[in-house]
Amino acid sequence: MSWIWAAVMPHPPIIVPEVGRERAKDAAITLAGVSALTDRLGGAAPDVLLVLSPHQPYSMGSLAVNGAAAASGSFSPFGAPSVEFSLRTSIGGVDSLAPYLDMNGIKVSLYESRDLTHDQGTTVPLYFLRERFKNLPDVILSSPIGLGIKDAFSLGRTLAGYDDGKKWALLASGDLSHRLKQGAPAGYSPRGAEFDAAVVSALRARDAASLLEMRRSFIEDAGECGLRSVLAMIGLCAELDWRIDVLSYEGPFGVGYCNAVGEAV
C-alpha cells in the first residue's frame, strides 16, 4: 500500500516563531496540535508527499499539479526572509499520478511554478514537518481549489487506489472559516462557527456527508479556504478505512485552525 498517513494542517504564517514572534503564543492550542501531529508522524517519513495547497495556482474544473522540477521561496513577505525553502519535486510521481487520476475521472491540469514565496499553504506546514523530519521528502505541489466539493471528495477516494510501490503521504493544507469574529480577516459571519463545527465533526466521524450537502452560499459566507483539502483527506481515509484523530482546533485571530491525522487503525 502506497499511503502511510494523511494530515490536515493550518497555514497561518503567524504561528511560525520567526514571523509571529510573541503573537505566535496566542495560537498556543494550534502549536500544541502541530507538535502532537509532528510527534505522531516523526517516525514515518514518506518517499513522496502530496501537498494540497489553496495557495498554489489553480485551474477551474481540475486538480492543478505543479510539474516544476524544484521550487523555492522564503517567508520574506511575512518579515522573515532568513527562513527559506528549497523543495524537490517527484517528477516520476507527477508523471505516474496525473494519468492515473485522469483515467479515474479526476481531471488534472499541469503547470510549472518554481516560486513558493506566496504559498504559505505549503511553506507553513512544511516548516514544522521539516523540523521533525530534518530532511523533507520529494513533494508534489497541487491545488484542489478548482475542484467542486464532490470532486474533491472523489479525489481522496481515488488516491486511495494509487500504488507505485513507494510510500506516500497526503498533506491537506487549509484554514477553515476566516469569519469567526468581529475584526476577522474577511469580516464576521455567524456561518463561520457553524462551518468550522461541521468540518471538525466530519473529520472526527470520518464522514463527509454533511459537508457535501452544504449549499454554495453557506460555504462562501463562511469564508473558508480548506474545505476541498479536508474533503480529499476524508475521502482517502474513508476509502482506506483509516481513523482520523482531531488533535486541535481554535480560532484565535478570527480564522479556524485545525490539526488532524489519518492513519491505519
C-alpha atoms as a PDB file:
ATOM      1  CA  MET A   1       0.000   0.000   0.000  1.00  0.00           C
ATOM      2  CA  SER A   2       1.370   3.380  -1.028  1.00  0.00           C
ATOM      3  CA  TRP A   3      -0.268   5.597   1.600  1.00  0.00           C
ATOM      4  CA  ILE A   4       1.136   5.726   5.123  1.00  0.00           C
ATOM      5  CA  TRP A   5      -0.605   8.791   6.596  1.00  0.00           C
ATOM      6  CA  ALA A   6      -2.635  11.884   5.870  1.00  0.00           C
ATOM      7  CA  ALA A   7      -2.786  15.159   7.765  1.00  0.00           C
ATOM      8  CA  VAL A   8      -4.847  18.318   7.842  1.00  0.00           C
ATOM      9  CA  MET A   9      -2.750  21.303   8.893  1.00  0.00           C
ATOM     10  CA  PRO A  10      -3.449  25.049   9.034  1.00  0.00           C
ATOM     11  CA  HIS A  11      -1.147  27.558   7.379  1.00  0.00           C
ATOM     12  CA  PRO A  12      -1.142  30.943   9.149  1.00  0.00           C
ATOM     13  CA  PRO A  13       2.374  32.423   8.935  1.00  0.00           C
ATOM     14  CA  ILE A  14       1.871  33.975  12.367  1.00  0.00           C
ATOM     15  CA  ILE A  15       2.393  30.591  14.067  1.00  0.00           C
ATOM     16  CA  VAL A  16       5.938  30.410  12.686  1.00  0.00           C
ATOM     17  CA  PRO A  17       8.156  31.776  15.505  1.00  0.00           C
ATOM     18  CA  GLU A  18      10.340  33.874  13.201  1.00  0.00           C
ATOM     19  CA  VAL A  19       7.212  35.511  11.778  1.00  0.00           C
ATOM     20  CA  GLY A  20       4.753  35.774  14.643  1.00  0.00           C
ATOM     21  CA  ARG A  21       7.304  36.160  17.434  1.00  0.00           C
ATOM     22  CA  GLU A  22       5.373  36.887  20.661  1.00  0.00           C
ATOM     23  CA  ARG A  23       1.993  36.791  18.892  1.00  0.00           C
ATOM     24  CA  ALA A  24       2.541  33.159  17.948  1.00  0.00           C
ATOM     25  CA  LYS A  25       1.795  32.305  21.591  1.00  0.00           C
ATOM     26  CA  ASP A  26      -1.795  33.471  21.050  1.00  0.00           C
ATOM     27  CA  ALA A  27      -2.235  30.314  18.979  1.00  0.00           C
ATOM     28  CA  ALA A  28      -0.929  28.016  21.714  1.00  0.00           C
ATOM     29  CA  ILE A  29      -3.596  25.361  21.110  1.00  0.00           C
ATOM     30  CA  THR A  30      -2.714  25.216  17.423  1.00  0.00           C
ATOM     31  CA  LEU A  31       1.003  24.990  18.153  1.00  0.00           C
ATOM     32  CA  ALA A  32       0.353  22.182  20.635  1.00  0.00           C
ATOM     33  CA  GLY A  33      -1.650  20.417  17.930  1.00  0.00           C
ATOM     34  CA  VAL A  34       1.157  20.858  15.411  1.00  0.00           C
ATOM     35  CA  SER A  35       3.615  19.448  17.943  1.00  0.00           C
ATOM     36  CA  ALA A  36       1.379  16.440  18.628  1.00  0.00           C
ATOM     37  CA  LEU A  37       0.954  15.891  14.896  1.00  0.00           C
ATOM     38  CA  THR A  38       4.647  16.018  14.057  1.00  0.00           C
ATOM     39  CA  ASP A  39       5.432  13.757  17.026  1.00  0.00           C
ATOM     40  CA  ARG A  40       2.943  11.217  15.677  1.00  0.00           C
ATOM     41  CA  LEU A  41       4.434  11.335  12.190  1.00  0.00           C
ATOM     42  CA  GLY A  42       8.087  11.750  13.090  1.00  0.00           C
ATOM     43  CA  GLY A  43       8.987   8.127  12.535  1.00  0.00           C
ATOM     44  CA  ALA A  44       7.057   7.809   9.284  1.00  0.00           C
ATOM     45  CA  ALA A  45       8.726   9.946   6.641  1.00  0.00           C
ATOM     46  CA  PRO A  46       7.241   9.182   3.214  1.00  0.00           C
ATOM     47  CA  ASP A  47       9.118   8.882  -0.052  1.00  0.00           C
ATOM     48  CA  VAL A  48       6.699  11.358  -1.656  1.00  0.00           C
ATOM     49  CA  LEU A  49       4.498  13.987  -0.026  1.00  0.00           C
ATOM     50  CA  LEU A  50       1.451  15.131  -1.987  1.00  0.00           C
ATOM     51  CA  VAL A  51       0.599  18.671  -0.871  1.00  0.00           C
ATOM     52  CA  LEU A  52      -2.859  20.142  -1.422  1.00  0.00           C
ATOM     53  CA  SER A  53      -2.410  23.889  -1.011  1.00  0.00           C
ATOM     54  CA  PRO A  54      -5.082  26.534  -1.654  1.00  0.00           C
ATOM     55  CA  HIS A  55      -2.252  28.989  -2.378  1.00  0.00           C
ATOM     56  CA  GLN A  56      -0.774  27.159  -5.359  1.00  0.00           C
ATOM     57  CA  PRO A  57      -2.029  28.286  -8.796  1.00  0.00           C
ATOM     58  CA  TYR A  58      -5.360  26.660  -9.631  1.00  0.00           C
ATOM     59  CA  SER A  59      -7.416  25.760 -12.669  1.00  0.00           C
ATOM     60  CA  MET A  60     -11.216  25.588 -12.616  1.00  0.00           C
ATOM     61  CA  GLY A  61     -12.639  22.108 -13.002  1.00  0.00           C
ATOM     62  CA  SER A  62      -9.411  20.273 -12.236  1.00  0.00           C
ATOM     63  CA  LEU A  63      -6.703  19.425  -9.757  1.00  0.00           C
ATOM     64  CA  ALA A  64      -3.814  21.721 -10.664  1.00  0.00           C
ATOM     65  CA  VAL A  65      -0.467  19.907 -10.333  1.00  0.00           C
ATOM     66  CA  ASN A  66       2.888  21.675 -10.339  1.00  0.00           C
ATOM     67  CA  GLY A  67       5.284  19.936 -12.701  1.00  0.00           C
ATOM     68  CA  ALA A  68       8.318  22.122 -11.991  1.00  0.00           C
ATOM     69  CA  ALA A  69      11.375  20.048 -11.069  1.00  0.00           C
ATOM     70  CA  ALA A  70      12.013  22.171  -7.965  1.00  0.00           C
ATOM     71  CA  ALA A  71      10.514  25.089  -6.070  1.00  0.00           C
ATOM     72  CA  SER A  72      11.938  27.578  -3.621  1.00  0.00           C
ATOM     73  CA  GLY A  73      10.950  30.615  -1.596  1.00  0.00           C
ATOM     74  CA  SER A  74      11.028  32.212   1.821  1.00  0.00           C
ATOM     75  CA  PHE A  75       8.897  33.979   4.406  1.00  0.00           C
ATOM     76  CA  SER A  76      10.106  37.354   3.149  1.00  0.00           C
ATOM     77  CA  PRO A  77       6.529  38.664   2.590  1.00  0.00           C
ATOM     78  CA  PHE A  78       5.936  37.999   6.281  1.00  0.00           C
ATOM     79  CA  GLY A  79       9.076  39.675   7.592  1.00  0.00           C
ATOM     80  CA  ALA A  80      11.310  36.610   7.897  1.00  0.00           C
ATOM     81  CA  PRO A  81      13.439  36.371   4.716  1.00  0.00           C
ATOM     82  CA  SER A  82      16.006  34.219   6.515  1.00  0.00           C
ATOM     83  CA  VAL A  83      13.536  31.290   6.627  1.00  0.00           C
ATOM     84  CA  GLU A  84      13.974  29.691   3.215  1.00  0.00           C
ATOM     85  CA  PHE A  85      12.658  26.624   1.442  1.00  0.00           C
ATOM     86  CA  SER A  86      14.041  24.536  -1.386  1.00  0.00           C
ATOM     87  CA  LEU A  87      11.904  21.582  -2.436  1.00  0.00           C
ATOM     88  CA  ARG A  88      12.484  18.744  -4.884  1.00  0.00           C
ATOM     89  CA  THR A  89       9.547  17.602  -6.971  1.00  0.00           C
ATOM     90  CA  SER A  90       8.922  13.925  -7.570  1.00  0.00           C
ATOM     91  CA  ILE A  91       8.757  14.200 -11.360  1.00  0.00           C
ATOM     92  CA  GLY A  92       8.272  10.450 -11.641  1.00  0.00           C
ATOM     93  CA  GLY A  93       5.383  10.740  -9.214  1.00  0.00           C
ATOM     94  CA  VAL A  94       3.785  13.504 -11.271  1.00  0.00           C
ATOM     95  CA  ASP A  95       4.220  11.507 -14.485  1.00  0.00           C
ATOM     96  CA  SER A  96       2.565   8.492 -12.874  1.00  0.00           C
ATOM     97  CA  LEU A  97      -0.113  10.103 -10.689  1.00  0.00           C
ATOM     98  CA  ALA A  98      -1.528  12.555 -13.234  1.00  0.00           C
ATOM     99  CA  PRO A  99      -2.594   9.942 -15.829  1.00  0.00           C
ATOM    100  CA  TYR A 100      -3.895   7.671 -13.057  1.00  0.00           C
ATOM    101  CA  LEU A 101      -6.196  10.436 -11.802  1.00  0.00           C
ATOM    102  CA  ASP A 102      -7.289  11.386 -15.323  1.00  0.00           C
ATOM    103  CA  MET A 103      -8.089   7.764 -16.092  1.00  0.00           C
ATOM    104  CA  ASN A 104     -10.232   7.587 -12.963  1.00  0.00           C
ATOM    105  CA  GLY A 105     -12.285  10.689 -13.618  1.00  0.00           C
ATOM    106  CA  ILE A 106     -10.259  13.387 -11.821  1.00  0.00           C
ATOM    107  CA  LYS A 107      -9.191  15.975 -14.362  1.00  0.00           C
ATOM    108  CA  VAL A 108      -5.596  17.194 -13.895  1.00  0.00           C
ATOM    109  CA  SER A 109      -4.107  20.443 -15.187  1.00  0.00           C
ATOM    110  CA  LEU A 110      -0.312  20.620 -15.247  1.00  0.00           C
ATOM    111  CA  TYR A 111       1.566  23.887 -14.772  1.00  0.00           C
ATOM    112  CA  GLU A 112       5.058  24.932 -13.710  1.00  0.00           C
ATOM    113  CA  SER A 113       5.843  27.351 -10.899  1.00  0.00           C
ATOM    114  CA  ARG A 114       9.142  27.441  -9.037  1.00  0.00           C
ATOM    115  CA  ASP A 115       8.129  30.228  -6.638  1.00  0.00           C
ATOM    116  CA  LEU A 116       6.955  29.318  -3.123  1.00  0.00           C
ATOM    117  CA  THR A 117       7.215  32.799  -1.659  1.00  0.00           C
ATOM    118  CA  HIS A 118       3.468  33.445  -1.659  1.00  0.00           C
ATOM    119  CA  ASP A 119       2.405  29.860  -0.967  1.00  0.00           C
ATOM    120  CA  GLN A 120       2.056  29.733   2.808  1.00  0.00           C
ATOM    121  CA  GLY A 121      -0.283  26.785   2.271  1.00  0.00           C
ATOM    122  CA  THR A 122       2.837  24.762   1.513  1.00  0.00           C
ATOM    123  CA  THR A 123       5.570  26.514   3.462  1.00  0.00           C
ATOM    124  CA  VAL A 124       3.915  26.903   6.874  1.00  0.00           C
ATOM    125  CA  PRO A 125       3.112  23.189   7.354  1.00  0.00           C
ATOM    126  CA  LEU A 126       6.450  22.184   5.830  1.00  0.00           C
ATOM    127  CA  TYR A 127       8.274  24.488   8.255  1.00  0.00           C
ATOM    128  CA  PHE A 128       7.095  22.245  11.099  1.00  0.00           C
ATOM    129  CA  LEU A 129       7.430  18.951   9.243  1.00  0.00           C
ATOM    130  CA  ARG A 130      10.983  19.904   8.255  1.00  0.00           C
ATOM    131  CA  GLU A 131      11.850  20.470  11.912  1.00  0.00           C
ATOM    132  CA  ARG A 132      10.678  16.945  12.717  1.00  0.00           C
ATOM    133  CA  PHE A 133      11.895  15.050   9.644  1.00  0.00           C
ATOM    134  CA  LYS A 134      15.119  17.083   9.248  1.00  0.00           C
ATOM    135  CA  ASN A 135      15.138  16.334   5.510  1.00  0.00           C
ATOM    136  CA  LEU A 136      11.892  16.803   3.614  1.00  0.00           C
ATOM    137  CA  PRO A 137      10.865  14.127   1.128  1.00  0.00           C
ATOM    138  CA  ASP A 138      10.242  14.788  -2.536  1.00  0.00           C
ATOM    139  CA  VAL A 139       6.967  16.643  -2.966  1.00  0.00           C
ATOM    140  CA  ILE A 140       4.162  17.072  -5.446  1.00  0.00           C
ATOM    141  CA  LEU A 141       2.614  20.524  -5.116  1.00  0.00           C
ATOM    142  CA  SER A 142      -1.005  20.925  -6.147  1.00  0.00           C
ATOM    143  CA  SER A 143      -4.139  22.979  -5.651  1.00  0.00           C
ATOM    144  CA  PRO A 144      -7.638  21.500  -5.200  1.00  0.00           C
ATOM    145  CA  ILE A 145      -9.348  24.904  -5.379  1.00  0.00           C
ATOM    146  CA  GLY A 146     -10.593  24.365  -8.941  1.00  0.00           C
ATOM    147  CA  LEU A 147     -12.478  21.195  -7.976  1.00  0.00           C
ATOM    148  CA  GLY A 148     -16.115  21.079  -6.927  1.00  0.00           C
ATOM    149  CA  ILE A 149     -16.655  19.765  -3.421  1.00  0.00           C
ATOM    150  CA  LYS A 150     -17.896  16.378  -4.651  1.00  0.00           C
ATOM    151  CA  ASP A 151     -14.876  16.071  -6.930  1.00  0.00           C
ATOM    152  CA  ALA A 152     -12.561  16.976  -4.044  1.00  0.00           C
ATOM    153  CA  PHE A 153     -14.029  14.104  -2.021  1.00  0.00           C
ATOM    154  CA  SER A 154     -13.725  11.813  -5.045  1.00  0.00           C
ATOM    155  CA  LEU A 155     -10.081  12.856  -5.381  1.00  0.00           C
ATOM    156  CA  GLY A 156      -9.345  11.425  -1.947  1.00  0.00           C
ATOM    157  CA  ARG A 157     -11.191   8.207  -2.657  1.00  0.00           C
ATOM    158  CA  THR A 158      -9.384   7.850  -5.978  1.00  0.00           C
ATOM    159  CA  LEU A 159      -5.977   8.488  -4.421  1.00  0.00           C
ATOM    160  CA  ALA A 160      -6.561   5.545  -2.091  1.00  0.00           C
ATOM    161  CA  GLY A 161      -6.204   3.136  -5.020  1.00  0.00           C
ATOM    162  CA  TYR A 162      -2.936   4.594  -6.276  1.00  0.00           C
ATOM    163  CA  ASP A 163       0.157   2.467  -5.619  1.00  0.00           C
ATOM    164  CA  ASP A 164       3.516   2.870  -7.321  1.00  0.00           C
ATOM    165  CA  GLY A 165       5.493   0.879  -4.760  1.00  0.00           C
ATOM    166  CA  LYS A 166       6.653   3.982  -2.851  1.00  0.00           C
ATOM    167  CA  LYS A 167       5.496   5.341   0.481  1.00  0.00           C
ATOM    168  CA  TRP A 168       3.182   8.319   0.003  1.00  0.00           C
ATOM    169  CA  ALA A 169       1.598  10.759   2.433  1.00  0.00           C
ATOM    170  CA  LEU A 170      -1.060  13.451   1.961  1.00  0.00           C
ATOM    171  CA  LEU A 171      -0.721  16.942   3.412  1.00  0.00           C
ATOM    172  CA  ALA A 172      -4.145  18.583   3.231  1.00  0.00           C
ATOM    173  CA  SER A 173      -3.333  22.218   3.956  1.00  0.00           C
ATOM    174  CA  GLY A 174      -6.135  24.618   4.717  1.00  0.00           C
ATOM    175  CA  ASP A 175      -7.501  27.115   7.181  1.00  0.00           C
ATOM    176  CA  LEU A 176     -11.203  26.933   7.960  1.00  0.00           C
ATOM    177  CA  SER A 177     -13.553  29.919   8.285  1.00  0.00           C
ATOM    178  CA  HIS A 178     -11.963  33.371   8.055  1.00  0.00           C
ATOM    179  CA  ARG A 179     -15.053  34.993   9.601  1.00  0.00           C
ATOM    180  CA  LEU A 180     -15.244  33.740  13.175  1.00  0.00           C
ATOM    181  CA  LYS A 181     -15.407  37.072  14.970  1.00  0.00           C
ATOM    182  CA  GLN A 182     -15.503  40.819  14.565  1.00  0.00           C
ATOM    183  CA  GLY A 183     -12.216  42.033  13.124  1.00  0.00           C
ATOM    184  CA  ALA A 184     -11.512  38.726  11.367  1.00  0.00           C
ATOM    185  CA  PRO A 185      -9.605  38.997   8.047  1.00  0.00           C
ATOM    186  CA  ALA A 186     -12.756  38.510   5.947  1.00  0.00           C
ATOM    187  CA  GLY A 187     -15.185  40.192   8.340  1.00  0.00           C
ATOM    188  CA  TYR A 188     -17.653  38.437  10.649  1.00  0.00           C
ATOM    189  CA  SER A 189     -20.366  35.933   9.776  1.00  0.00           C
ATOM    190  CA  PRO A 190     -22.294  33.645  12.138  1.00  0.00           C
ATOM    191  CA  ARG A 191     -21.881  30.983   9.454  1.00  0.00           C
ATOM    192  CA  GLY A 192     -18.166  30.822  10.272  1.00  0.00           C
ATOM    193  CA  ALA A 193     -18.518  28.995  13.577  1.00  0.00           C
ATOM    194  CA  GLU A 194     -21.241  26.731  12.122  1.00  0.00           C
ATOM    195  CA  PHE A 195     -18.985  25.802   9.239  1.00  0.00           C
ATOM    196  CA  ASP A 196     -15.995  25.032  11.441  1.00  0.00           C
ATOM    197  CA  ALA A 197     -18.049  22.904  13.829  1.00  0.00           C
ATOM    198  CA  ALA A 198     -19.344  20.900  10.870  1.00  0.00           C
ATOM    199  CA  VAL A 199     -15.835  20.366   9.472  1.00  0.00           C
ATOM    200  CA  VAL A 200     -14.374  19.245  12.801  1.00  0.00           C
ATOM    201  CA  SER A 201     -17.327  16.913  13.377  1.00  0.00           C
ATOM    202  CA  ALA A 202     -16.962  15.432   9.887  1.00  0.00           C
ATOM    203  CA  LEU A 203     -13.277  14.774  10.447  1.00  0.00           C
ATOM    204  CA  ARG A 204     -13.926  13.066  13.779  1.00  0.00           C
ATOM    205  CA  ALA A 205     -16.641  10.909  12.235  1.00  0.00           C
ATOM    206  CA  ARG A 206     -14.666  10.315   9.025  1.00  0.00           C
ATOM    207  CA  ASP A 207     -17.904  11.128   7.257  1.00  0.00           C
ATOM    208  CA  ALA A 208     -18.158  13.841   4.606  1.00  0.00           C
ATOM    209  CA  ALA A 209     -21.930  13.646   4.066  1.00  0.00           C
ATOM    210  CA  SER A 210     -22.794  16.825   5.962  1.00  0.00           C
ATOM    211  CA  LEU A 211     -20.057  18.764   4.133  1.00  0.00           C
ATOM    212  CA  LEU A 212     -21.155  17.552   0.719  1.00  0.00           C
ATOM    213  CA  GLU A 213     -24.692  18.746   1.455  1.00  0.00           C
ATOM    214  CA  MET A 214     -23.619  22.318   2.236  1.00  0.00           C
ATOM    215  CA  ARG A 215     -25.029  24.986  -0.036  1.00  0.00           C
ATOM    216  CA  ARG A 216     -22.587  27.061  -2.019  1.00  0.00           C
ATOM    217  CA  SER A 217     -23.922  30.246  -0.423  1.00  0.00           C
ATOM    218  CA  PHE A 218     -23.254  28.839   3.053  1.00  0.00           C
ATOM    219  CA  ILE A 219     -19.690  27.850   2.117  1.00  0.00           C
ATOM    220  CA  GLU A 220     -18.997  31.239   0.574  1.00  0.00           C
ATOM    221  CA  ASP A 221     -20.435  33.049   3.581  1.00  0.00           C
ATOM    222  CA  ALA A 222     -18.129  31.057   5.880  1.00  0.00           C
ATOM    223  CA  GLY A 223     -15.096  32.423   4.018  1.00  0.00           C
ATOM    224  CA  GLU A 224     -13.037  29.232   4.000  1.00  0.00           C
ATOM    225  CA  CYS A 225     -10.025  28.029   2.027  1.00  0.00           C
ATOM    226  CA  GLY A 226      -9.514  24.480   3.307  1.00  0.00           C
ATOM    227  CA  LEU A 227     -12.761  22.619   2.602  1.00  0.00           C
ATOM    228  CA  ARG A 228     -11.517  20.845  -0.518  1.00  0.00           C
ATOM    229  CA  SER A 229      -8.312  19.774   1.201  1.00  0.00           C
ATOM    230  CA  VAL A 230     -10.346  18.387   4.115  1.00  0.00           C
ATOM    231  CA  LEU A 231     -12.745  16.553   1.797  1.00  0.00           C
ATOM    232  CA  ALA A 232      -9.853  14.899  -0.035  1.00  0.00           C
ATOM    233  CA  MET A 233      -8.392  13.713   3.260  1.00  0.00           C
ATOM    234  CA  ILE A 234     -11.727  12.326   4.462  1.00  0.00           C
ATOM    235  CA  GLY A 235     -12.198  10.557   1.140  1.00  0.00           C
ATOM    236  CA  LEU A 236      -8.750   8.964   1.328  1.00  0.00           C
ATOM    237  CA  CYS A 237      -9.145   7.877   4.950  1.00  0.00           C
ATOM    238  CA  ALA A 238     -12.683   6.550   4.456  1.00  0.00           C
ATOM    239  CA  GLU A 239     -11.639   4.503   1.426  1.00  0.00           C
ATOM    240  CA  LEU A 240      -8.621   3.060   3.267  1.00  0.00           C
ATOM    241  CA  ASP A 241     -10.668   2.510   6.459  1.00  0.00           C
ATOM    242  CA  TRP A 242      -8.283   4.670   8.488  1.00  0.00           C
ATOM    243  CA  ARG A 243      -9.231   6.523  11.632  1.00  0.00           C
ATOM    244  CA  ILE A 244      -8.928  10.306  11.846  1.00  0.00           C
ATOM    245  CA  ASP A 245      -7.841  11.940  15.101  1.00  0.00           C
ATOM    246  CA  VAL A 246      -8.521  15.656  15.502  1.00  0.00           C
ATOM    247  CA  LEU A 247      -5.601  16.952  17.564  1.00  0.00           C
ATOM    248  CA  SER A 248      -6.578  20.615  17.922  1.00  0.00           C
ATOM    249  CA  TYR A 249      -8.983  23.315  16.865  1.00  0.00           C
ATOM    250  CA  GLU A 250      -9.150  27.021  17.689  1.00  0.00           C
ATOM    251  CA  GLY A 251      -9.761  30.405  16.084  1.00  0.00           C
ATOM    252  CA  PRO A 252      -7.645  32.940  17.986  1.00  0.00           C
ATOM    253  CA  PHE A 253      -7.417  35.524  15.202  1.00  0.00           C
ATOM    254  CA  GLY A 254     -10.864  35.007  13.715  1.00  0.00           C
ATOM    255  CA  VAL A 255      -9.673  32.177  11.439  1.00  0.00           C
ATOM    256  CA  GLY A 256     -10.251  28.499  12.218  1.00  0.00           C
ATOM    257  CA  TYR A 257      -7.156  26.319  12.580  1.00  0.00           C
ATOM    258  CA  CYS A 258      -7.424  22.528  12.735  1.00  0.00           C
ATOM    259  CA  ASN A 259      -4.795  19.801  13.043  1.00  0.00           C
ATOM    260  CA  ALA A 260      -5.838  16.227  12.306  1.00  0.00           C
ATOM    261  CA  VAL A 261      -4.078  12.959  11.452  1.00  0.00           C
ATOM    262  CA  GLY A 262      -5.348   9.996   9.483  1.00  0.00           C
ATOM    263  CA  GLU A 263      -3.624   6.640   9.914  1.00  0.00           C
ATOM    264  CA  ALA A 264      -4.313   2.922   9.687  1.00  0.00           C
ATOM    265  CA  VAL A 265      -6.045   1.546  12.766  1.00  0.00           C
END
